[in-house]
Amino acid sequence: MPTTITQNKVLDENYFGQLRYRYGKAVWPILHRDMVMVRAKSNDGQKLVIAFKSVNYDIPLPPGTIRVELHVSGFVVEKIS
């Protein structure tokens, strides 16, 4: 499904991570997609861990859009000696 991300913004940020909103336009006949998620990041100089998860947040759903649920996603990048 080709989707073009047109909005990717940080709604709030604190020590624990970020609350993010992402909106993407899809080509017809696919409905557009949006997502509200938290992003947590940890970096100790040897290992970078970034994790994402959807959250319920009071943002209206734009017309013609489906809200995506992201259960848990992320990645780990480790330094190679």
N, C-alpha and C. Protein backbone atom coordinates (compact mmCIF):
# COMPACT_ATOMS: atom_id res chain seq x y z
N MET A 1 0.85 -1.17 0.00
CA MET A 1 0.00 0.00 0.00
C MET A 1 0.89 1.23 0.00
N PRO A 2 0.98 1.96 -1.08
CA PRO A 2 1.78 3.18 -1.10
C PRO A 2 1.11 4.28 -0.27
N THR A 3 1.84 4.79 0.70
CA THR A 3 1.34 5.86 1.56
C THR A 3 2.41 6.95 1.63
N THR A 4 1.99 8.21 1.54
CA THR A 4 2.90 9.34 1.67
C THR A 4 2.66 9.99 3.02
N ILE A 5 3.67 10.00 3.88
CA ILE A 5 3.55 10.63 5.19
C ILE A 5 3.53 12.14 4.98
N THR A 6 2.44 12.79 5.40
CA THR A 6 2.32 14.24 5.24
C THR A 6 2.41 14.99 6.56
N GLN A 7 2.21 14.29 7.68
CA GLN A 7 2.38 14.88 9.00
C GLN A 7 3.12 13.90 9.88
N ASN A 8 4.11 14.39 10.58
CA ASN A 8 4.85 13.59 11.54
C ASN A 8 5.33 14.55 12.62
N LYS A 9 4.55 14.67 13.70
CA LYS A 9 4.89 15.70 14.68
C LYS A 9 4.89 15.17 16.10
N VAL A 10 5.69 15.82 16.93
CA VAL A 10 5.77 15.52 18.35
C VAL A 10 4.71 16.35 19.06
N LEU A 11 3.79 15.69 19.76
CA LEU A 11 2.73 16.38 20.49
C LEU A 11 3.16 16.74 21.90
N ASP A 12 4.01 15.90 22.49
CA ASP A 12 4.49 16.15 23.85
C ASP A 12 5.78 15.36 24.02
N GLU A 13 6.61 15.81 24.95
CA GLU A 13 7.89 15.13 25.18
C GLU A 13 8.28 15.31 26.64
N ASN A 14 8.83 14.22 27.21
CA ASN A 14 9.37 14.30 28.57
C ASN A 14 10.53 13.33 28.67
N TYR A 15 11.00 13.12 29.89
CA TYR A 15 12.16 12.25 30.14
C TYR A 15 11.94 10.84 29.60
N PHE A 16 10.70 10.35 29.65
CA PHE A 16 10.40 8.97 29.28
C PHE A 16 10.26 8.76 27.78
N GLY A 17 9.95 9.82 27.03
CA GLY A 17 9.79 9.65 25.59
C GLY A 17 8.94 10.74 24.96
N GLN A 18 8.37 10.39 23.82
CA GLN A 18 7.58 11.35 23.05
C GLN A 18 6.20 10.79 22.74
N LEU A 19 5.23 11.70 22.69
CA LEU A 19 3.91 11.39 22.16
C LEU A 19 3.91 11.94 20.75
N ARG A 20 3.66 11.08 19.75
CA ARG A 20 3.80 11.48 18.35
C ARG A 20 2.50 11.24 17.58
N TYR A 21 2.28 12.06 16.55
CA TYR A 21 1.15 11.89 15.64
C TYR A 21 1.72 11.78 14.22
N ARG A 22 1.21 10.80 13.49
CA ARG A 22 1.65 10.60 12.10
C ARG A 22 0.41 10.41 11.23
N TYR A 23 0.40 11.10 10.09
CA TYR A 23 -0.71 11.01 9.13
C TYR A 23 -0.13 10.74 7.76
N GLY A 24 -0.74 9.78 7.06
CA GLY A 24 -0.28 9.44 5.72
C GLY A 24 -1.43 9.36 4.73
N LYS A 25 -1.20 9.92 3.56
CA LYS A 25 -2.19 9.85 2.49
C LYS A 25 -1.92 8.62 1.63
N ALA A 26 -2.98 7.91 1.33
CA ALA A 26 -2.89 6.72 0.50
C ALA A 26 -3.55 7.00 -0.85
N VAL A 27 -3.27 6.15 -1.81
CA VAL A 27 -3.88 6.30 -3.14
C VAL A 27 -5.24 5.60 -3.15
N TRP A 28 -6.17 6.14 -3.92
CA TRP A 28 -7.49 5.56 -4.05
C TRP A 28 -7.37 4.12 -4.54
N PRO A 29 -8.11 3.19 -4.05
CA PRO A 29 -9.27 3.25 -3.17
C PRO A 29 -8.94 3.04 -1.69
N ILE A 30 -7.68 3.10 -1.32
CA ILE A 30 -7.26 2.89 0.06
C ILE A 30 -7.54 4.15 0.88
N LEU A 31 -8.06 3.98 2.10
CA LEU A 31 -8.29 5.11 2.99
C LEU A 31 -6.97 5.59 3.59
N HIS A 32 -6.89 6.88 3.90
CA HIS A 32 -5.71 7.44 4.53
C HIS A 32 -5.53 6.80 5.91
N ARG A 33 -4.32 6.92 6.46
CA ARG A 33 -3.99 6.31 7.75
C ARG A 33 -3.44 7.38 8.69
N ASP A 34 -3.77 7.24 9.98
CA ASP A 34 -3.09 8.04 10.98
C ASP A 34 -2.80 7.17 12.19
N MET A 35 -1.91 7.68 13.05
CA MET A 35 -1.49 6.91 14.21
C MET A 35 -1.07 7.88 15.31
N VAL A 36 -1.47 7.56 16.53
CA VAL A 36 -0.99 8.28 17.72
C VAL A 36 -0.20 7.26 18.52
N MET A 37 1.06 7.58 18.82
CA MET A 37 1.93 6.59 19.45
C MET A 37 2.89 7.25 20.43
N VAL A 38 3.42 6.44 21.32
CA VAL A 38 4.51 6.87 22.17
C VAL A 38 5.79 6.25 21.62
N ARG A 39 6.87 7.03 21.77
CA ARG A 39 8.18 6.54 21.37
C ARG A 39 9.11 6.67 22.55
N ALA A 40 9.73 5.58 22.93
CA ALA A 40 10.72 5.58 24.01
C ALA A 40 12.08 5.27 23.41
N LYS A 41 13.11 5.91 23.93
CA LYS A 41 14.45 5.72 23.38
C LYS A 41 15.45 5.60 24.52
N SER A 42 16.40 4.70 24.35
CA SER A 42 17.48 4.51 25.31
C SER A 42 18.79 4.37 24.52
N ASN A 43 19.82 5.06 24.98
CA ASN A 43 21.11 4.99 24.30
C ASN A 43 22.20 5.06 25.36
N ASP A 44 22.94 3.96 25.53
CA ASP A 44 24.02 3.94 26.51
C ASP A 44 25.39 4.07 25.86
N GLY A 45 25.44 4.43 24.59
CA GLY A 45 26.71 4.56 23.88
C GLY A 45 27.13 3.28 23.17
N GLN A 46 26.63 2.16 23.63
CA GLN A 46 26.93 0.87 23.01
C GLN A 46 25.71 0.28 22.31
N LYS A 47 24.53 0.63 22.83
CA LYS A 47 23.29 0.06 22.30
C LYS A 47 22.22 1.15 22.26
N LEU A 48 21.55 1.27 21.11
CA LEU A 48 20.43 2.19 20.94
C LEU A 48 19.16 1.35 20.82
N VAL A 49 18.18 1.65 21.68
CA VAL A 49 16.90 0.94 21.65
C VAL A 49 15.81 1.99 21.44
N ILE A 50 14.96 1.78 20.43
CA ILE A 50 13.82 2.66 20.17
C ILE A 50 12.58 1.78 20.06
N ALA A 51 11.53 2.14 20.82
CA ALA A 51 10.30 1.35 20.82
C ALA A 51 9.11 2.27 20.60
N PHE A 52 8.09 1.77 19.90
CA PHE A 52 6.86 2.49 19.59
C PHE A 52 5.66 1.66 20.02
N LYS A 53 4.59 2.34 20.43
CA LYS A 53 3.33 1.67 20.75
C LYS A 53 2.20 2.68 20.60
N SER A 54 1.08 2.24 20.02
CA SER A 54 -0.10 3.10 19.90
C SER A 54 -0.68 3.41 21.28
N VAL A 55 -1.29 4.59 21.37
CA VAL A 55 -1.98 4.98 22.59
C VAL A 55 -3.29 5.66 22.20
N ASN A 56 -4.25 5.62 23.13
CA ASN A 56 -5.49 6.36 22.94
C ASN A 56 -5.24 7.80 23.37
N TYR A 57 -5.56 8.74 22.51
CA TYR A 57 -5.35 10.15 22.79
C TYR A 57 -6.44 10.92 22.08
N ASP A 58 -6.87 12.00 22.67
CA ASP A 58 -8.02 12.75 22.15
C ASP A 58 -7.63 13.61 20.94
N ILE A 59 -7.47 12.96 19.80
CA ILE A 59 -7.22 13.65 18.53
C ILE A 59 -8.33 13.19 17.58
N PRO A 60 -9.08 14.14 17.01
CA PRO A 60 -10.15 13.74 16.10
C PRO A 60 -9.60 12.99 14.89
N LEU A 61 -10.36 12.00 14.45
CA LEU A 61 -9.99 11.24 13.26
C LEU A 61 -10.40 12.03 12.03
N PRO A 62 -9.45 12.37 11.16
CA PRO A 62 -9.80 13.10 9.94
C PRO A 62 -10.76 12.28 9.06
N PRO A 63 -11.65 12.93 8.32
CA PRO A 63 -12.56 12.22 7.42
C PRO A 63 -11.78 11.36 6.40
N GLY A 64 -12.32 10.18 6.12
CA GLY A 64 -11.69 9.29 5.14
C GLY A 64 -10.40 8.66 5.63
N THR A 65 -10.25 8.54 6.94
CA THR A 65 -9.01 8.05 7.53
C THR A 65 -9.29 6.89 8.48
N ILE A 66 -8.38 5.94 8.53
CA ILE A 66 -8.43 4.82 9.47
C ILE A 66 -7.31 5.01 10.47
N ARG A 67 -7.61 4.90 11.76
CA ARG A 67 -6.57 4.99 12.79
C ARG A 67 -5.90 3.63 12.92
N VAL A 68 -4.60 3.61 12.74
CA VAL A 68 -3.80 2.39 12.79
C VAL A 68 -3.46 2.08 14.25
N GLU A 69 -3.52 0.81 14.60
CA GLU A 69 -3.09 0.39 15.93
C GLU A 69 -1.76 -0.34 15.80
N LEU A 70 -0.77 0.21 16.46
CA LEU A 70 0.56 -0.38 16.48
C LEU A 70 0.75 -1.01 17.85
N HIS A 71 0.79 -2.35 17.91
CA HIS A 71 0.87 -3.03 19.20
C HIS A 71 2.20 -2.73 19.88
N VAL A 72 3.28 -3.17 19.33
CA VAL A 72 4.64 -2.84 19.79
C VAL A 72 5.55 -2.99 18.60
N SER A 73 6.43 -2.02 18.44
CA SER A 73 7.39 -2.07 17.35
C SER A 73 8.65 -1.39 17.82
N GLY A 74 9.75 -1.68 17.17
CA GLY A 74 10.98 -1.00 17.54
C GLY A 74 12.18 -1.68 16.94
N PHE A 75 13.32 -1.20 17.35
CA PHE A 75 14.56 -1.80 16.89
C PHE A 75 15.66 -1.56 17.91
N VAL A 76 16.70 -2.41 17.79
CA VAL A 76 17.88 -2.32 18.63
C VAL A 76 19.09 -2.24 17.70
N VAL A 77 19.95 -1.26 17.94
CA VAL A 77 21.17 -1.10 17.16
C VAL A 77 22.34 -1.20 18.14
N GLU A 78 23.22 -2.17 17.91
CA GLU A 78 24.37 -2.35 18.80
C GLU A 78 25.65 -2.02 18.08
N LYS A 79 26.56 -1.40 18.83
CA LYS A 79 27.88 -1.07 18.31
C LYS A 79 28.68 -2.34 18.09
N ILE A 80 29.34 -2.42 16.94
CA ILE A 80 30.18 -3.58 16.63
C ILE A 80 31.62 -3.15 16.80
N SER A 81 32.36 -3.96 17.57
CA SER A 81 33.77 -3.60 17.80
C SER A 81 34.64 -4.13 16.69
